[in-house]
C-alpha atoms as a PDB file:
ATOM      1  CA  MET A   1     140.924  78.353 197.365  1.00  0.00           C
ATOM      2  CA  GLY A   2     142.650  75.071 197.266  1.00  0.00           C
ATOM      3  CA  ARG A   3     146.433  75.610 197.636  1.00  0.00           C
ATOM      4  CA  ARG A   4     149.571  73.616 197.649  1.00  0.00           C
ATOM      5  CA  LYS A   5     152.313  74.376 200.050  1.00  0.00           C
ATOM      6  CA  GLY A   6     154.022  77.610 198.519  1.00  0.00           C
ATOM      7  CA  ASP A   7     151.154  78.712 196.683  1.00  0.00           C
ATOM      8  CA  SER A   8     149.473  82.103 197.380  1.00  0.00           C
ATOM      9  CA  LEU A   9     146.822  84.390 195.710  1.00  0.00           C
ATOM     10  CA  ARG A  10     149.611  86.681 194.451  1.00  0.00           C
ATOM     11  CA  ALA A  11     151.868  83.951 193.040  1.00  0.00           C
ATOM     12  CA  VAL A  12     149.053  81.845 191.224  1.00  0.00           C
ATOM     13  CA  ASP A  13     145.992  84.305 190.536  1.00  0.00           C
ATOM     14  CA  ASP A  14     147.880  87.446 190.037  1.00  0.00           C
ATOM     15  CA  VAL A  15     151.440  86.889 188.789  1.00  0.00           C
ATOM     16  CA  GLY A  16     150.574  83.521 187.296  1.00  0.00           C
ATOM     17  CA  ASN A  17     147.563  84.800 185.212  1.00  0.00           C
ATOM     18  CA  ARG A  18     149.564  87.978 184.114  1.00  0.00           C
ATOM     19  CA  ASN A  19     152.347  85.815 182.964  1.00  0.00           C
ATOM     20  CA  LEU A  20     149.783  83.864 180.717  1.00  0.00           C
ATOM     21  CA  VAL A  21     148.375  86.989 179.182  1.00  0.00           C
ATOM     22  CA  ASP A  22     151.771  88.012 178.312  1.00  0.00           C
ATOM     23  CA  ALA A  23     152.730  84.979 176.742  1.00  0.00           C
ATOM     24  CA  ALA A  24     149.630  84.750 174.794  1.00  0.00           C
ATOM     25  CA  LYS A  25     150.209  88.357 173.543  1.00  0.00           C
ATOM     26  CA  ARG A  26     153.858  87.486 172.601  1.00  0.00           C
ATOM     27  CA  ALA A  27     152.438  84.494 170.675  1.00  0.00           C
ATOM     28  CA  SER A  28     149.758  86.346 168.992  1.00  0.00           C
ATOM     29  CA  VAL A  29     147.118  83.628 170.243  1.00  0.00           C
ATOM     30  CA  PRO A  30     143.683  84.011 168.397  1.00  0.00           C
ATOM     31  CA  ARG A  31     141.712  83.625 171.606  1.00  0.00           C
ATOM     32  CA  PHE A  32     142.178  83.529 175.571  1.00  0.00           C
ATOM     33  CA  VAL A  33     139.651  81.773 177.325  1.00  0.00           C
ATOM     34  CA  PHE A  34     139.745  82.785 181.012  1.00  0.00           C
ATOM     35  CA  THR A  35     137.789  81.299 183.887  1.00  0.00           C
ATOM     36  CA  SER A  36     136.639  84.267 186.078  1.00  0.00           C
ATOM     37  CA  ILE A  37     134.088  84.207 188.905  1.00  0.00           C
ATOM     38  CA  LEU A  38     130.499  85.220 189.013  1.00  0.00           C
ATOM     39  CA  THR A  39     129.996  88.994 189.878  1.00  0.00           C
ATOM     40  CA  ALA A  40     133.613  89.223 190.338  1.00  0.00           C
ATOM     41  CA  ASP A  41     133.431  93.057 189.715  1.00  0.00           C
ATOM     42  CA  LYS A  42     131.051  93.650 192.368  1.00  0.00           C
ATOM     43  CA  ALA A  43     133.160  91.814 195.246  1.00  0.00           C
ATOM     44  CA  LYS A  44     136.112  93.973 195.959  1.00  0.00           C
ATOM     45  CA  ASP A  45     136.289  92.611 199.573  1.00  0.00           C
ATOM     46  CA  VAL A  46     136.631  88.720 198.356  1.00  0.00           C
ATOM     47  CA  PRO A  47     140.268  88.651 197.506  1.00  0.00           C
ATOM     48  CA  HIS A  48     140.109  85.746 195.108  1.00  0.00           C
ATOM     49  CA  PHE A  49     137.034  87.240 193.570  1.00  0.00           C
ATOM     50  CA  TRP A  50     138.511  90.625 193.093  1.00  0.00           C
ATOM     51  CA  GLN A  51     141.597  89.227 191.795  1.00  0.00           C
ATOM     52  CA  LYS A  52     139.785  87.687 188.798  1.00  0.00           C
ATOM     53  CA  LYS A  53     138.389  91.033 188.017  1.00  0.00           C
ATOM     54  CA  LEU A  54     141.754  92.428 187.770  1.00  0.00           C
ATOM     55  CA  ILE A  55     142.880  89.993 185.368  1.00  0.00           C
ATOM     56  CA  GLU A  56     139.921  90.676 183.329  1.00  0.00           C
ATOM     57  CA  ASP A  57     141.039  94.371 183.192  1.00  0.00           C
ATOM     58  CA  TYR A  58     144.534  93.162 182.280  1.00  0.00           C
ATOM     59  CA  LEU A  59     143.346  90.911 179.472  1.00  0.00           C
ATOM     60  CA  GLU A  60     141.271  94.021 178.184  1.00  0.00           C
ATOM     61  CA  ALA A  61     144.160  96.303 178.316  1.00  0.00           C
ATOM     62  CA  SER A  62     146.561  93.663 176.710  1.00  0.00           C
ATOM     63  CA  ALA A  63     144.323  93.705 173.442  1.00  0.00           C
ATOM     64  CA  VAL A  64     144.495  89.907 173.303  1.00  0.00           C
ATOM     65  CA  PRO A  65     141.236  88.520 172.040  1.00  0.00           C
ATOM     66  CA  TYR A  66     139.535  86.795 175.001  1.00  0.00           C
ATOM     67  CA  VAL A  67     136.422  85.601 176.598  1.00  0.00           C
ATOM     68  CA  SER A  68     135.902  85.685 180.366  1.00  0.00           C
ATOM     69  CA  LEU A  69     133.418  83.246 181.681  1.00  0.00           C
ATOM     70  CA  ARG A  70     132.209  83.937 185.115  1.00  0.00           C
ATOM     71  CA  PRO A  71     130.722  80.547 186.682  1.00  0.00           C
ATOM     72  CA  GLY A  72     128.839  80.506 190.001  1.00  0.00           C
ATOM     73  CA  ALA A  73     129.415  78.345 193.000  1.00  0.00           C
ATOM     74  CA  PHE A  74     130.365  74.596 192.077  1.00  0.00           C
ATOM     75  CA  LEU A  75     127.771  71.888 192.877  1.00  0.00           C
ATOM     76  CA  GLY A  76     129.796  68.995 192.034  1.00  0.00           C
ATOM     77  CA  GLY A  77     133.390  68.032 191.712  1.00  0.00           C
ATOM     78  CA  GLY A  78     135.603  68.516 194.604  1.00  0.00           C
ATOM     79  CA  SER A  79     133.319  70.931 196.270  1.00  0.00           C
ATOM     80  CA  ALA A  80     130.679  68.148 196.413  1.00  0.00           C
ATOM     81  CA  ARG A  81     132.711  66.700 199.512  1.00  0.00           C
ATOM     82  CA  PHE A  82     131.325  69.563 201.427  1.00  0.00           C
ATOM     83  CA  PHE A  83     128.014  67.566 201.478  1.00  0.00           C
ATOM     84  CA  ALA A  84     129.352  63.926 201.338  1.00  0.00           C
ATOM     85  CA  LYS A  85     129.297  63.058 204.954  1.00  0.00           C
ATOM     86  CA  SER A  86     125.814  64.780 205.735  1.00  0.00           C
ATOM     87  CA  LEU A  87     123.722  63.738 202.782  1.00  0.00           C
ATOM     88  CA  PRO A  88     123.557  59.951 203.686  1.00  0.00           C
ATOM     89  CA  GLN A  89     122.371  60.667 206.928  1.00  0.00           C
ATOM     90  CA  GLY A  90     119.564  62.872 205.386  1.00  0.00           C
ATOM     91  CA  LYS A  91     121.134  65.998 206.637  1.00  0.00           C
ATOM     92  CA  LEU A  92     122.646  69.118 204.481  1.00  0.00           C
ATOM     93  CA  MET A  93     124.937  71.592 206.026  1.00  0.00           C
ATOM     94  CA  PRO A  94     124.487  75.116 204.462  1.00  0.00           C
ATOM     95  CA  PHE A  95     127.516  76.875 203.503  1.00  0.00           C
ATOM     96  CA  ALA A  96     126.062  80.262 203.741  1.00  0.00           C
ATOM     97  CA  PRO A  97     123.262  81.539 205.847  1.00  0.00           C
ATOM     98  CA  PRO A  98     120.163  79.226 204.982  1.00  0.00           C
ATOM     99  CA  ASP A  99     118.082  82.028 203.515  1.00  0.00           C
ATOM    100  CA  THR A 100     120.937  83.350 201.108  1.00  0.00           C
ATOM    101  CA  ARG A 101     119.919  82.775 197.704  1.00  0.00           C
ATOM    102  CA  TYR A 102     122.766  82.315 194.946  1.00  0.00           C
ATOM    103  CA  SER A 103     123.761  80.681 191.631  1.00  0.00           C
ATOM    104  CA  TRP A 104     125.094  77.259 191.298  1.00  0.00           C
ATOM    105  CA  ILE A 105     126.581  75.191 188.462  1.00  0.00           C
ATOM    106  CA  HIS A 106     128.233  71.930 187.977  1.00  0.00           C
ATOM    107  CA  PRO A 107     131.816  71.923 186.914  1.00  0.00           C
ATOM    108  CA  ASP A 108     131.154  69.506 183.950  1.00  0.00           C
ATOM    109  CA  ASP A 109     128.687  72.247 182.567  1.00  0.00           C
ATOM    110  CA  VAL A 110     131.458  74.947 182.979  1.00  0.00           C
ATOM    111  CA  ALA A 111     134.054  72.707 181.203  1.00  0.00           C
ATOM    112  CA  ARG A 112     131.257  72.414 178.355  1.00  0.00           C
ATOM    113  CA  CYS A 113     130.911  76.254 178.200  1.00  0.00           C
ATOM    114  CA  LEU A 114     134.784  76.739 178.024  1.00  0.00           C
ATOM    115  CA  ALA A 115     135.295  74.340 175.359  1.00  0.00           C
ATOM    116  CA  LEU A 116     132.373  75.984 173.145  1.00  0.00           C
ATOM    117  CA  ALA A 117     133.983  79.610 173.999  1.00  0.00           C
ATOM    118  CA  VAL A 118     137.114  78.582 172.014  1.00  0.00           C
ATOM    119  CA  ASP A 119     135.344  78.675 168.683  1.00  0.00           C
ATOM    120  CA  GLU A 120     132.264  80.584 169.347  1.00  0.00           C
ATOM    121  CA  PRO A 121     132.680  83.848 167.121  1.00  0.00           C
ATOM    122  CA  ARG A 122     130.000  85.736 169.223  1.00  0.00           C
ATOM    123  CA  ALA A 123     131.766  85.377 172.562  1.00  0.00           C
ATOM    124  CA  VAL A 124     134.959  87.170 171.835  1.00  0.00           C
ATOM    125  CA  GLY A 125     135.493  90.211 173.885  1.00  0.00           C
ATOM    126  CA  ARG A 126     132.543  89.480 176.295  1.00  0.00           C
ATOM    127  CA  THR A 127     132.227  88.659 179.797  1.00  0.00           C
ATOM    128  CA  ILE A 128     129.637  85.904 180.270  1.00  0.00           C
ATOM    129  CA  ASP A 129     127.970  84.759 183.432  1.00  0.00           C
ATOM    130  CA  LEU A 130     127.404  80.746 183.982  1.00  0.00           C
ATOM    131  CA  GLY A 131     124.672  79.367 186.254  1.00  0.00           C
ATOM    132  CA  SER A 132     121.814  76.993 186.292  1.00  0.00           C
ATOM    133  CA  ASP A 133     118.438  78.058 185.595  1.00  0.00           C
ATOM    134  CA  ARG A 134     117.743  79.691 188.890  1.00  0.00           C
ATOM    135  CA  PRO A 135     119.449  80.898 191.995  1.00  0.00           C
ATOM    136  CA  VAL A 136     118.221  79.009 195.170  1.00  0.00           C
ATOM    137  CA  ASP A 137     118.725  79.061 199.078  1.00  0.00           C
ATOM    138  CA  ALA A 138     119.714  76.098 201.312  1.00  0.00           C
ATOM    139  CA  HIS A 139     115.989  75.462 201.900  1.00  0.00           C
ATOM    140  CA  GLU A 140     115.251  74.793 198.239  1.00  0.00           C
ATOM    141  CA  LEU A 141     118.467  73.025 197.742  1.00  0.00           C
ATOM    142  CA  ALA A 142     117.604  70.601 200.498  1.00  0.00           C
ATOM    143  CA  THR A 143     114.332  69.927 198.985  1.00  0.00           C
ATOM    144  CA  LEU A 144     115.755  69.217 195.681  1.00  0.00           C
ATOM    145  CA  VAL A 145     118.333  67.009 196.922  1.00  0.00           C
ATOM    146  CA  GLY A 146     115.581  65.135 198.898  1.00  0.00           C
ATOM    147  CA  HIS A 147     113.322  64.702 196.004  1.00  0.00           C
ATOM    148  CA  ALA A 148     116.420  63.265 194.027  1.00  0.00           C
ATOM    149  CA  MET A 149     117.281  60.806 196.875  1.00  0.00           C
ATOM    150  CA  GLY A 150     113.442  59.990 197.503  1.00  0.00           C
ATOM    151  CA  LYS A 151     113.744  60.888 201.335  1.00  0.00           C
ATOM    152  CA  PRO A 152     113.421  63.938 203.373  1.00  0.00           C
ATOM    153  CA  VAL A 153     116.707  65.736 203.670  1.00  0.00           C
ATOM    154  CA  ARG A 154     116.886  68.507 206.389  1.00  0.00           C
ATOM    155  CA  LEU A 155     119.138  71.363 207.067  1.00  0.00           C
ATOM    156  CA  ASP A 156     121.996  70.935 209.700  1.00  0.00           C
ATOM    157  CA  ASN A 157     121.826  74.759 210.613  1.00  0.00           C
ATOM    158  CA  PHE A 158     123.655  74.097 214.001  1.00  0.00           C
ATOM    159  CA  THR A 159     126.515  72.520 212.281  1.00  0.00           C
ATOM    160  CA  GLY A 160     126.594  75.280 209.565  1.00  0.00           C
ATOM    161  CA  THR A 161     126.307  78.063 211.958  1.00  0.00           C
ATOM    162  CA  MET A 162     129.480  76.522 213.973  1.00  0.00           C
ATOM    163  CA  PHE A 163     131.333  76.219 210.766  1.00  0.00           C
ATOM    164  CA  ARG A 164     130.900  79.812 210.014  1.00  0.00           C
ATOM    165  CA  GLY A 165     131.744  80.922 213.437  1.00  0.00           C
ATOM    166  CA  VAL A 166     134.925  78.883 213.589  1.00  0.00           C
ATOM    167  CA  ALA A 167     135.892  80.234 210.113  1.00  0.00           C
ATOM    168  CA  THR A 168     135.510  83.631 211.282  1.00  0.00           C
ATOM    169  CA  VAL A 169     137.841  83.363 214.263  1.00  0.00           C
ATOM    170  CA  VAL A 170     140.433  81.254 212.314  1.00  0.00           C
ATOM    171  CA  GLY A 171     140.221  84.108 209.511  1.00  0.00           C
ATOM    172  CA  MET A 172     141.828  86.370 211.903  1.00  0.00           C
ATOM    173  CA  PHE A 173     145.025  84.446 211.634  1.00  0.00           C
ATOM    174  CA  SER A 174     144.656  82.783 208.163  1.00  0.00           C
ATOM    175  CA  GLU A 175     144.625  84.672 205.044  1.00  0.00           C
ATOM    176  CA  ARG A 176     142.726  81.844 203.309  1.00  0.00           C
ATOM    177  CA  MET A 177     140.024  81.437 205.758  1.00  0.00           C
ATOM    178  CA  HIS A 178     139.643  85.316 205.648  1.00  0.00           C
ATOM    179  CA  ASP A 179     139.176  85.110 202.065  1.00  0.00           C
ATOM    180  CA  MET A 180     136.319  82.488 202.602  1.00  0.00           C
ATOM    181  CA  VAL A 181     134.644  84.318 205.347  1.00  0.00           C
ATOM    182  CA  ALA A 182     134.607  87.432 203.081  1.00  0.00           C
ATOM    183  CA  MET A 183     132.986  85.234 200.359  1.00  0.00           C
ATOM    184  CA  VAL A 184     130.056  84.143 202.575  1.00  0.00           C
ATOM    185  CA  ARG A 185     129.612  87.584 203.666  1.00  0.00           C
ATOM    186  CA  TYR A 186     129.343  88.512 200.106  1.00  0.00           C
ATOM    187  CA  PHE A 187     126.891  85.868 199.240  1.00  0.00           C
ATOM    188  CA  GLU A 188     124.611  87.419 201.820  1.00  0.00           C
ATOM    189  CA  THR A 189     124.409  90.537 199.821  1.00  0.00           C
ATOM    190  CA  GLY A 190     122.290  88.848 197.217  1.00  0.00           C
ATOM    191  CA  GLN A 191     124.362  89.803 194.468  1.00  0.00           C
ATOM    192  CA  TYR A 192     125.953  86.247 193.629  1.00  0.00           C
ATOM    193  CA  VAL A 193     123.301  85.546 191.026  1.00  0.00           C
ATOM    194  CA  ALA A 194     123.924  84.752 187.189  1.00  0.00           C
ATOM    195  CA  ASP A 195     122.153  86.319 184.445  1.00  0.00           C
ATOM    196  CA  THR A 196     122.133  83.327 182.036  1.00  0.00           C
ATOM    197  CA  THR A 197     120.706  85.013 178.979  1.00  0.00           C
ATOM    198  CA  VAL A 198     123.928  85.201 177.182  1.00  0.00           C
ATOM    199  CA  GLN A 199     124.866  81.655 178.508  1.00  0.00           C
ATOM    200  CA  ALA A 200     121.785  80.369 176.631  1.00  0.00           C
ATOM    201  CA  GLU A 201     122.283  82.396 173.600  1.00  0.00           C
ATOM    202  CA  LEU A 202     125.838  81.053 173.004  1.00  0.00           C
ATOM    203  CA  PHE A 203     126.096  77.733 174.567  1.00  0.00           C
ATOM    204  CA  GLY A 204     122.573  76.114 174.600  1.00  0.00           C
ATOM    205  CA  PRO A 205     119.892  75.372 177.122  1.00  0.00           C
ATOM    206  CA  VAL A 206     120.866  76.453 180.716  1.00  0.00           C
ATOM    207  CA  PRO A 207     121.233  73.357 183.023  1.00  0.00           C
ATOM    208  CA  THR A 208     118.260  72.967 185.548  1.00  0.00           C
ATOM    209  CA  MET A 209     119.002  73.010 189.300  1.00  0.00           C
ATOM    210  CA  GLU A 210     117.230  69.484 189.356  1.00  0.00           C
ATOM    211  CA  LYS A 211     119.783  68.109 186.895  1.00  0.00           C
ATOM    212  CA  THR A 212     122.460  69.740 188.602  1.00  0.00           C
ATOM    213  CA  VAL A 213     121.704  68.224 191.898  1.00  0.00           C
ATOM    214  CA  ARG A 214     121.246  64.660 190.431  1.00  0.00           C
ATOM    215  CA  LYS A 215     124.821  65.000 188.893  1.00  0.00           C
ATOM    216  CA  MET A 216     126.244  65.940 192.208  1.00  0.00           C
ATOM    217  CA  LEU A 217     124.509  62.958 193.758  1.00  0.00           C
ATOM    218  CA  VAL A 218     125.767  60.587 191.260  1.00  0.00           C
ATOM    219  CA  GLU A 219     129.197  61.703 191.870  1.00  0.00           C
ATOM    220  CA  LEU A 220     129.038  61.141 195.415  1.00  0.00           C
ATOM    221  CA  GLY A 221     127.772  57.545 194.847  1.00  0.00           C
ATOM    222  CA  ILE A 222     124.311  58.363 196.377  1.00  0.00           C
ATOM    223  CA  PRO A 223     121.439  56.461 194.984  1.00  0.00           C
ATOM    224  CA  LEU A 224     118.682  58.528 193.190  1.00  0.00           C
ATOM    225  CA  GLN A 225     114.955  57.995 193.294  1.00  0.00           C
ATOM    226  CA  GLY A 226     113.576  57.149 189.910  1.00  0.00           C
END
């Protein structure tokens, strides 16, 4: 989603990833660990999701030994900036409609699973969901954030609705924004939910949403309660 000048979905996620797979095959690498996206195979109308699924197919057809990890939405890292301005004011702007439940994960936990997937023998040839212990909607997320901060946090539904409305209009002219709007609409289907059974089996205990929220707040420099 984040692009530099001249980047495109085709150049980076399609041609770029295919080049990497081809190079791995020529070099006979023992394992290719790919970062995909949660339920990419169900999201044909979301361009950057579906492109991950196409690369998974390309990997499988290449016969390069691989592991494909499919993380849910990042709650932390660069994506934490989405909440940075409103949280100190006790407000949380929902990215998707507030009743939409989906899976979150902190980027540090994705990195940990990626590192473990390099050597875990049971991971080869598998596509593995990554997430926290449960999907949550914006109402529960606000409650969790409020508990961690030690003060009430309310949903800023007006700003969230305005953001989605503006994004829909801009998406008529912007490929990148169209992709984002398609992603939000896909979230609303309720399918963007991780089955963390294999994650727990191969990589250890699945992080709780409480822990994930606290890690995000620490990154943003927001004081925690207790």
